[in-house]
Amino acid sequence: MKNKDEVPNGKLYWLVWVTIEYKDKKPYYAGVAGCEMLIDRDIRRGYKSMPEHVNKMDRSLKGKIVVDDMDSRSKKYSHAF
């Protein structure tokens, strides 16, 4: 759906783009970026902004850590990266 208002009962989920690089043959998290999605399982519909997902994926691939938009509870899980 193109508008968040079309999913009024949507539950917030975070898709997190994680980029893994290698240094000395050991993997490490080089980039992380969180993108919100609203999903209403009852109506089997959801909302996401494709341009936002593409831009966040690009930033993760460029080695950036982008979790500022995430709520504090979700951010706590992203700090594992």
C-alpha atoms as a PDB file:
ATOM      1  CA  MET A   1       0.000   0.000   0.000  1.00  0.00           C
ATOM      2  CA  LYS A   2       1.155   3.507  -0.714  1.00  0.00           C
ATOM      3  CA  ASN A   3      -0.069   5.183   2.456  1.00  0.00           C
ATOM      4  CA  LYS A   4       0.375   4.336   6.155  1.00  0.00           C
ATOM      5  CA  ASP A   5      -3.233   5.414   6.778  1.00  0.00           C
ATOM      6  CA  GLU A   6      -4.432   2.445   4.706  1.00  0.00           C
ATOM      7  CA  VAL A   7      -3.125   0.107   7.427  1.00  0.00           C
ATOM      8  CA  PRO A   8      -4.603   1.666  10.601  1.00  0.00           C
ATOM      9  CA  ASN A   9      -4.313  -1.541  12.630  1.00  0.00           C
ATOM     10  CA  GLY A  10      -0.876  -2.416  11.333  1.00  0.00           C
ATOM     11  CA  LYS A  11       1.735  -3.796  13.686  1.00  0.00           C
ATOM     12  CA  LEU A  12       5.163  -2.205  13.432  1.00  0.00           C
ATOM     13  CA  TYR A  13       7.952  -4.478  12.214  1.00  0.00           C
ATOM     14  CA  TRP A  14      11.536  -3.568  11.387  1.00  0.00           C
ATOM     15  CA  LEU A  15      13.369  -5.028   8.458  1.00  0.00           C
ATOM     16  CA  VAL A  16      17.062  -4.592   9.172  1.00  0.00           C
ATOM     17  CA  TRP A  17      19.594  -4.570   6.363  1.00  0.00           C
ATOM     18  CA  VAL A  18      22.861  -6.040   7.625  1.00  0.00           C
ATOM     19  CA  THR A  19      26.070  -5.922   5.607  1.00  0.00           C
ATOM     20  CA  ILE A  20      28.791  -8.388   6.521  1.00  0.00           C
ATOM     21  CA  GLU A  21      32.387  -7.808   5.484  1.00  0.00           C
ATOM     22  CA  TYR A  22      35.521  -9.811   6.188  1.00  0.00           C
ATOM     23  CA  LYS A  23      38.772  -8.725   7.769  1.00  0.00           C
ATOM     24  CA  ASP A  24      41.594 -11.193   8.315  1.00  0.00           C
ATOM     25  CA  LYS A  25      39.188 -13.911   7.098  1.00  0.00           C
ATOM     26  CA  LYS A  26      36.793 -13.116   9.952  1.00  0.00           C
ATOM     27  CA  PRO A  27      33.282 -11.729   9.388  1.00  0.00           C
ATOM     28  CA  TYR A  28      32.090  -8.522  11.017  1.00  0.00           C
ATOM     29  CA  TYR A  29      29.008  -6.307  10.765  1.00  0.00           C
ATOM     30  CA  ALA A  30      30.034  -3.500   8.440  1.00  0.00           C
ATOM     31  CA  GLY A  31      26.674  -1.783   8.040  1.00  0.00           C
ATOM     32  CA  VAL A  32      23.191  -1.863   9.588  1.00  0.00           C
ATOM     33  CA  ALA A  33      20.054   0.031   8.587  1.00  0.00           C
ATOM     34  CA  GLY A  34      16.494  -0.386   9.888  1.00  0.00           C
ATOM     35  CA  CYS A  35      13.359   0.150   7.787  1.00  0.00           C
ATOM     36  CA  GLU A  36       9.852   0.187   9.189  1.00  0.00           C
ATOM     37  CA  MET A  37       7.002  -1.914   7.889  1.00  0.00           C
ATOM     38  CA  LEU A  38       3.384  -1.908   9.059  1.00  0.00           C
ATOM     39  CA  ILE A  39       1.640  -5.259   8.692  1.00  0.00           C
ATOM     40  CA  ASP A  40      -2.036  -6.030   9.345  1.00  0.00           C
ATOM     41  CA  ARG A  41      -2.275  -9.794   9.333  1.00  0.00           C
ATOM     42  CA  ASP A  42      -6.093  -9.764   9.524  1.00  0.00           C
ATOM     43  CA  ILE A  43      -6.502  -7.996   6.192  1.00  0.00           C
ATOM     44  CA  ARG A  44      -3.262  -9.495   4.816  1.00  0.00           C
ATOM     45  CA  ARG A  45      -1.952  -6.091   3.821  1.00  0.00           C
ATOM     46  CA  GLY A  46       0.922  -3.904   4.768  1.00  0.00           C
ATOM     47  CA  TYR A  47       2.847  -0.728   4.139  1.00  0.00           C
ATOM     48  CA  LYS A  48       6.467  -0.141   3.308  1.00  0.00           C
ATOM     49  CA  SER A  49       8.263   2.588   1.415  1.00  0.00           C
ATOM     50  CA  MET A  50      10.314   0.984  -1.345  1.00  0.00           C
ATOM     51  CA  PRO A  51      12.477   4.104  -1.854  1.00  0.00           C
ATOM     52  CA  GLU A  52      13.262   4.094   1.877  1.00  0.00           C
ATOM     53  CA  HIS A  53      14.212   0.411   1.769  1.00  0.00           C
ATOM     54  CA  VAL A  54      16.451   0.916  -1.252  1.00  0.00           C
ATOM     55  CA  ASN A  55      18.171   3.939   0.313  1.00  0.00           C
ATOM     56  CA  LYS A  56      18.681   2.203   3.658  1.00  0.00           C
ATOM     57  CA  MET A  57      20.028  -0.923   1.951  1.00  0.00           C
ATOM     58  CA  ASP A  58      22.473   1.289   0.036  1.00  0.00           C
ATOM     59  CA  ARG A  59      23.612   3.003   3.235  1.00  0.00           C
ATOM     60  CA  SER A  60      24.155  -0.363   4.921  1.00  0.00           C
ATOM     61  CA  LEU A  61      26.191  -1.545   1.924  1.00  0.00           C
ATOM     62  CA  LYS A  62      28.296   1.617   2.268  1.00  0.00           C
ATOM     63  CA  GLY A  63      29.123   0.701   5.870  1.00  0.00           C
ATOM     64  CA  LYS A  64      26.783   3.057   7.690  1.00  0.00           C
ATOM     65  CA  ILE A  65      24.909   2.348  10.918  1.00  0.00           C
ATOM     66  CA  VAL A  66      21.407   3.802  10.507  1.00  0.00           C
ATOM     67  CA  VAL A  67      19.066   3.002  13.390  1.00  0.00           C
ATOM     68  CA  ASP A  68      18.034   6.521  14.442  1.00  0.00           C
ATOM     69  CA  ASP A  69      14.473   6.050  13.131  1.00  0.00           C
ATOM     70  CA  MET A  70      13.919   2.929  15.214  1.00  0.00           C
ATOM     71  CA  ASP A  71      12.002   3.046  18.497  1.00  0.00           C
ATOM     72  CA  SER A  72      14.064   2.498  21.651  1.00  0.00           C
ATOM     73  CA  ARG A  73      12.788  -1.046  22.233  1.00  0.00           C
ATOM     74  CA  SER A  74      13.708  -2.143  18.714  1.00  0.00           C
ATOM     75  CA  LYS A  75      16.997  -0.265  18.826  1.00  0.00           C
ATOM     76  CA  LYS A  76      17.985  -2.394  21.793  1.00  0.00           C
ATOM     77  CA  TYR A  77      17.915  -5.477  19.548  1.00  0.00           C
ATOM     78  CA  SER A  78      19.839  -3.733  16.764  1.00  0.00           C
ATOM     79  CA  HIS A  79      22.723  -3.017  19.140  1.00  0.00           C
ATOM     80  CA  ALA A  80      23.585  -6.704  18.971  1.00  0.00           C
ATOM     81  CA  PHE A  81      25.081  -5.773  15.609  1.00  0.00           C
END
